[in-house]
Amino acid sequence: MVSKEFLRQIEGYGLTTAQILYRIPDHPGVLQTYLWQEYDLAPRFPVLHDFLAFWERELDGPLHSVRVSHSCLIKPAEFRAVNGVLTLH
C-alpha cells in the first residue's frame, strides 16, 4: 500500500512550512510563534489558506505575519519507472 503523502507528492504537492507570528490575546504587545507544516501546492497554497481562514475564524490570537517556505521533494527528473526486479541474498 502506498502512503497518502507519497501520492500527494506525485500529484505535485510539496512540503510547505509556515512560520506564523500571532499576538497573545491577553498581552497584545507580545508575539508568539507557531510552526505549521503540511503538503501543499505552490504558488497558491490552498491548504495553508484554509488553515489560516480556520485560525482567523476560530482562534483568539490575531495574526501578525506569516513566512512560507516550500520544497518539492520529488521532482520530475528524479522519478522514473524501472523495469525488472533485483534480488539480493
N, C-alpha and C. Protein backbone atom coordinates (compact mmCIF):
# COMPACT_ATOMS: atom_id res chain seq x y z
N MET A 1 0.84 -1.18 0.00
CA MET A 1 0.00 0.00 0.00
C MET A 1 0.89 1.25 0.00
N VAL A 2 0.56 2.19 -0.84
CA VAL A 2 1.32 3.42 -0.99
C VAL A 2 0.78 4.47 -0.02
N SER A 3 1.69 5.21 0.61
CA SER A 3 1.26 6.21 1.59
C SER A 3 0.57 7.40 0.91
N LYS A 4 -0.30 8.03 1.66
CA LYS A 4 -1.03 9.20 1.17
C LYS A 4 -0.08 10.34 0.83
N GLU A 5 0.96 10.51 1.65
CA GLU A 5 1.93 11.58 1.42
C GLU A 5 2.68 11.38 0.11
N PHE A 6 3.06 10.13 -0.20
CA PHE A 6 3.77 9.86 -1.45
C PHE A 6 2.88 10.16 -2.65
N LEU A 7 1.62 9.76 -2.59
CA LEU A 7 0.70 10.03 -3.69
C LEU A 7 0.52 11.54 -3.90
N ARG A 8 0.48 12.29 -2.82
CA ARG A 8 0.35 13.75 -2.95
C ARG A 8 1.59 14.34 -3.62
N GLN A 9 2.76 13.81 -3.29
CA GLN A 9 3.99 14.31 -3.90
C GLN A 9 4.00 14.03 -5.40
N ILE A 10 3.51 12.87 -5.81
CA ILE A 10 3.42 12.53 -7.23
C ILE A 10 2.46 13.49 -7.94
N GLU A 11 1.41 13.93 -7.25
CA GLU A 11 0.43 14.86 -7.83
C GLU A 11 0.94 16.30 -7.88
N GLY A 12 2.16 16.56 -7.37
CA GLY A 12 2.72 17.90 -7.45
C GLY A 12 2.78 18.65 -6.13
N TYR A 13 2.28 18.04 -5.06
CA TYR A 13 2.33 18.69 -3.75
C TYR A 13 3.77 18.67 -3.24
N GLY A 14 4.13 19.70 -2.51
CA GLY A 14 5.44 19.78 -1.89
C GLY A 14 5.29 20.11 -0.42
N LEU A 15 6.36 19.89 0.33
CA LEU A 15 6.32 20.17 1.76
C LEU A 15 6.37 21.68 1.99
N THR A 16 5.36 22.18 2.67
CA THR A 16 5.24 23.61 2.94
C THR A 16 5.36 23.84 4.44
N THR A 17 6.20 24.78 4.81
CA THR A 17 6.38 25.15 6.21
C THR A 17 6.03 26.63 6.34
N ALA A 18 5.20 26.94 7.33
CA ALA A 18 4.82 28.33 7.58
C ALA A 18 5.18 28.69 9.02
N GLN A 19 5.90 29.80 9.16
CA GLN A 19 6.18 30.35 10.48
C GLN A 19 5.14 31.44 10.70
N ILE A 20 4.27 31.21 11.66
CA ILE A 20 3.15 32.12 11.92
C ILE A 20 3.44 32.90 13.20
N LEU A 21 3.46 34.22 13.09
CA LEU A 21 3.58 35.07 14.27
C LEU A 21 2.19 35.62 14.59
N TYR A 22 1.79 35.48 15.84
CA TYR A 22 0.48 35.98 16.25
C TYR A 22 0.59 36.66 17.61
N ARG A 23 -0.38 37.49 17.88
CA ARG A 23 -0.40 38.22 19.15
C ARG A 23 -1.17 37.42 20.20
N ILE A 24 -0.63 37.40 21.41
CA ILE A 24 -1.31 36.74 22.51
C ILE A 24 -2.49 37.62 22.92
N PRO A 25 -3.71 37.06 23.00
CA PRO A 25 -4.90 37.88 23.26
C PRO A 25 -4.82 38.72 24.54
N ASP A 26 -4.28 38.16 25.62
CA ASP A 26 -4.21 38.90 26.89
C ASP A 26 -3.09 39.93 26.93
N HIS A 27 -2.10 39.76 26.05
CA HIS A 27 -0.94 40.68 26.00
C HIS A 27 -0.66 41.03 24.54
N PRO A 28 -1.38 41.97 23.95
CA PRO A 28 -1.26 42.25 22.51
C PRO A 28 0.12 42.73 22.09
N GLY A 29 0.95 43.17 23.02
CA GLY A 29 2.30 43.60 22.67
C GLY A 29 3.29 42.45 22.55
N VAL A 30 2.86 41.23 22.87
CA VAL A 30 3.74 40.05 22.84
C VAL A 30 3.39 39.19 21.63
N LEU A 31 4.44 38.80 20.87
CA LEU A 31 4.24 37.92 19.73
C LEU A 31 4.65 36.49 20.09
N GLN A 32 3.89 35.55 19.59
CA GLN A 32 4.18 34.13 19.80
C GLN A 32 4.39 33.50 18.43
N THR A 33 5.22 32.45 18.36
CA THR A 33 5.49 31.76 17.10
C THR A 33 4.80 30.41 17.07
N TYR A 34 4.23 30.07 15.90
CA TYR A 34 3.65 28.76 15.67
C TYR A 34 4.19 28.26 14.33
N LEU A 35 4.72 27.03 14.30
CA LEU A 35 5.20 26.43 13.06
C LEU A 35 4.18 25.44 12.55
N TRP A 36 3.82 25.57 11.28
CA TRP A 36 2.83 24.72 10.63
C TRP A 36 3.51 24.04 9.45
N GLN A 37 3.27 22.73 9.26
CA GLN A 37 3.90 22.01 8.16
C GLN A 37 2.89 21.02 7.58
N GLU A 38 2.75 21.06 6.25
CA GLU A 38 1.79 20.21 5.56
C GLU A 38 2.19 20.16 4.08
N TYR A 39 1.67 19.17 3.35
CA TYR A 39 1.88 19.12 1.90
C TYR A 39 0.87 20.07 1.25
N ASP A 40 1.38 20.90 0.31
CA ASP A 40 0.53 21.91 -0.31
C ASP A 40 1.02 22.18 -1.73
N LEU A 41 0.19 22.85 -2.51
CA LEU A 41 0.51 23.19 -3.90
C LEU A 41 0.98 24.64 -4.00
N ALA A 42 2.21 24.82 -4.46
CA ALA A 42 2.72 26.18 -4.69
C ALA A 42 2.29 26.61 -6.09
N PRO A 43 2.10 27.85 -6.36
CA PRO A 43 2.26 29.03 -5.52
C PRO A 43 0.97 29.50 -4.85
N ARG A 44 -0.13 28.77 -5.05
CA ARG A 44 -1.42 29.23 -4.50
C ARG A 44 -1.63 28.84 -3.04
N PHE A 45 -1.07 27.73 -2.59
CA PHE A 45 -1.14 27.24 -1.21
C PHE A 45 -2.57 27.15 -0.68
N PRO A 46 -3.43 26.33 -1.30
CA PRO A 46 -4.82 26.24 -0.84
C PRO A 46 -4.96 25.64 0.56
N VAL A 47 -4.12 24.69 0.92
CA VAL A 47 -4.21 24.07 2.25
C VAL A 47 -3.83 25.08 3.33
N LEU A 48 -2.78 25.86 3.08
CA LEU A 48 -2.37 26.89 4.03
C LEU A 48 -3.44 27.97 4.17
N HIS A 49 -4.03 28.39 3.06
CA HIS A 49 -5.09 29.40 3.12
C HIS A 49 -6.29 28.89 3.93
N ASP A 50 -6.63 27.60 3.76
CA ASP A 50 -7.72 27.02 4.56
C ASP A 50 -7.38 27.04 6.04
N PHE A 51 -6.12 26.70 6.38
CA PHE A 51 -5.71 26.71 7.78
C PHE A 51 -5.75 28.12 8.36
N LEU A 52 -5.27 29.10 7.61
CA LEU A 52 -5.28 30.48 8.10
C LEU A 52 -6.70 31.02 8.25
N ALA A 53 -7.60 30.61 7.36
CA ALA A 53 -9.01 31.01 7.49
C ALA A 53 -9.61 30.40 8.76
N PHE A 54 -9.28 29.12 9.03
CA PHE A 54 -9.73 28.50 10.28
C PHE A 54 -9.18 29.26 11.48
N TRP A 55 -7.89 29.63 11.43
CA TRP A 55 -7.25 30.35 12.53
C TRP A 55 -8.01 31.65 12.83
N GLU A 56 -8.25 32.44 11.79
CA GLU A 56 -8.91 33.73 11.98
C GLU A 56 -10.36 33.57 12.44
N ARG A 57 -11.01 32.49 12.02
CA ARG A 57 -12.41 32.27 12.38
C ARG A 57 -12.57 31.69 13.79
N GLU A 58 -11.67 30.80 14.22
CA GLU A 58 -11.89 30.02 15.44
C GLU A 58 -10.97 30.38 16.61
N LEU A 59 -9.79 30.96 16.36
CA LEU A 59 -8.83 31.21 17.43
C LEU A 59 -8.80 32.68 17.81
N ASP A 60 -8.40 32.95 19.05
CA ASP A 60 -8.42 34.31 19.57
C ASP A 60 -7.19 35.14 19.21
N GLY A 61 -6.04 34.50 18.99
CA GLY A 61 -4.81 35.24 18.73
C GLY A 61 -4.77 35.80 17.32
N PRO A 62 -4.84 37.14 17.16
CA PRO A 62 -4.80 37.72 15.81
C PRO A 62 -3.43 37.52 15.15
N LEU A 63 -3.47 37.25 13.85
CA LEU A 63 -2.23 37.02 13.09
C LEU A 63 -1.45 38.32 12.93
N HIS A 64 -0.14 38.20 13.05
CA HIS A 64 0.75 39.34 12.80
C HIS A 64 1.41 39.19 11.44
N SER A 65 2.04 38.02 11.19
CA SER A 65 2.69 37.78 9.90
C SER A 65 2.85 36.28 9.68
N VAL A 66 3.05 35.90 8.41
CA VAL A 66 3.25 34.50 8.03
C VAL A 66 4.41 34.45 7.05
N ARG A 67 5.40 33.62 7.35
CA ARG A 67 6.55 33.40 6.46
C ARG A 67 6.45 31.97 5.94
N VAL A 68 6.50 31.80 4.61
CA VAL A 68 6.26 30.50 3.98
C VAL A 68 7.50 30.04 3.23
N SER A 69 7.83 28.75 3.39
CA SER A 69 8.85 28.11 2.55
C SER A 69 8.26 26.83 1.99
N HIS A 70 8.70 26.47 0.79
CA HIS A 70 8.11 25.33 0.07
C HIS A 70 9.20 24.57 -0.65
N SER A 71 9.10 23.25 -0.65
CA SER A 71 10.07 22.42 -1.35
C SER A 71 9.36 21.24 -1.99
N CYS A 72 9.57 21.07 -3.29
CA CYS A 72 9.06 19.87 -3.97
C CYS A 72 10.05 18.75 -3.69
N LEU A 73 9.61 17.73 -2.99
CA LEU A 73 10.51 16.66 -2.59
C LEU A 73 10.78 15.70 -3.73
N ILE A 74 9.82 15.50 -4.60
CA ILE A 74 10.00 14.64 -5.77
C ILE A 74 9.86 15.52 -7.00
N LYS A 75 10.94 15.59 -7.75
CA LYS A 75 10.93 16.40 -8.97
C LYS A 75 10.78 15.47 -10.17
N PRO A 76 10.24 15.95 -11.29
CA PRO A 76 10.02 15.07 -12.44
C PRO A 76 11.26 14.31 -12.90
N ALA A 77 12.43 14.91 -12.84
CA ALA A 77 13.64 14.24 -13.30
C ALA A 77 14.09 13.15 -12.33
N GLU A 78 13.63 13.17 -11.10
CA GLU A 78 14.06 12.21 -10.10
C GLU A 78 13.19 10.95 -10.05
N PHE A 79 12.06 10.97 -10.69
CA PHE A 79 11.13 9.85 -10.63
C PHE A 79 11.05 9.21 -12.01
N ARG A 80 11.42 7.94 -12.09
CA ARG A 80 11.32 7.25 -13.37
C ARG A 80 10.95 5.79 -13.11
N ALA A 81 10.26 5.19 -14.04
CA ALA A 81 9.84 3.80 -13.92
C ALA A 81 11.02 2.89 -14.22
N VAL A 82 11.11 1.78 -13.48
CA VAL A 82 12.18 0.82 -13.66
C VAL A 82 11.55 -0.52 -13.99
N ASN A 83 12.09 -1.17 -15.02
CA ASN A 83 11.61 -2.50 -15.41
C ASN A 83 12.54 -3.54 -14.84
N GLY A 84 12.00 -4.51 -14.13
CA GLY A 84 12.82 -5.60 -13.60
C GLY A 84 12.88 -5.62 -12.10
N VAL A 85 13.33 -6.74 -11.57
CA VAL A 85 13.44 -6.93 -10.14
C VAL A 85 14.83 -7.45 -9.85
N LEU A 86 15.48 -6.88 -8.86
CA LEU A 86 16.81 -7.31 -8.45
C LEU A 86 16.69 -7.93 -7.06
N THR A 87 17.11 -9.18 -6.92
CA THR A 87 17.03 -9.86 -5.63
C THR A 87 18.43 -10.07 -5.09
N LEU A 88 18.64 -9.66 -3.86
CA LEU A 88 19.91 -9.84 -3.18
C LEU A 88 19.72 -10.84 -2.05
N HIS A 89 20.69 -11.71 -1.88
CA HIS A 89 20.61 -12.70 -0.79
C HIS A 89 21.36 -12.22 0.41
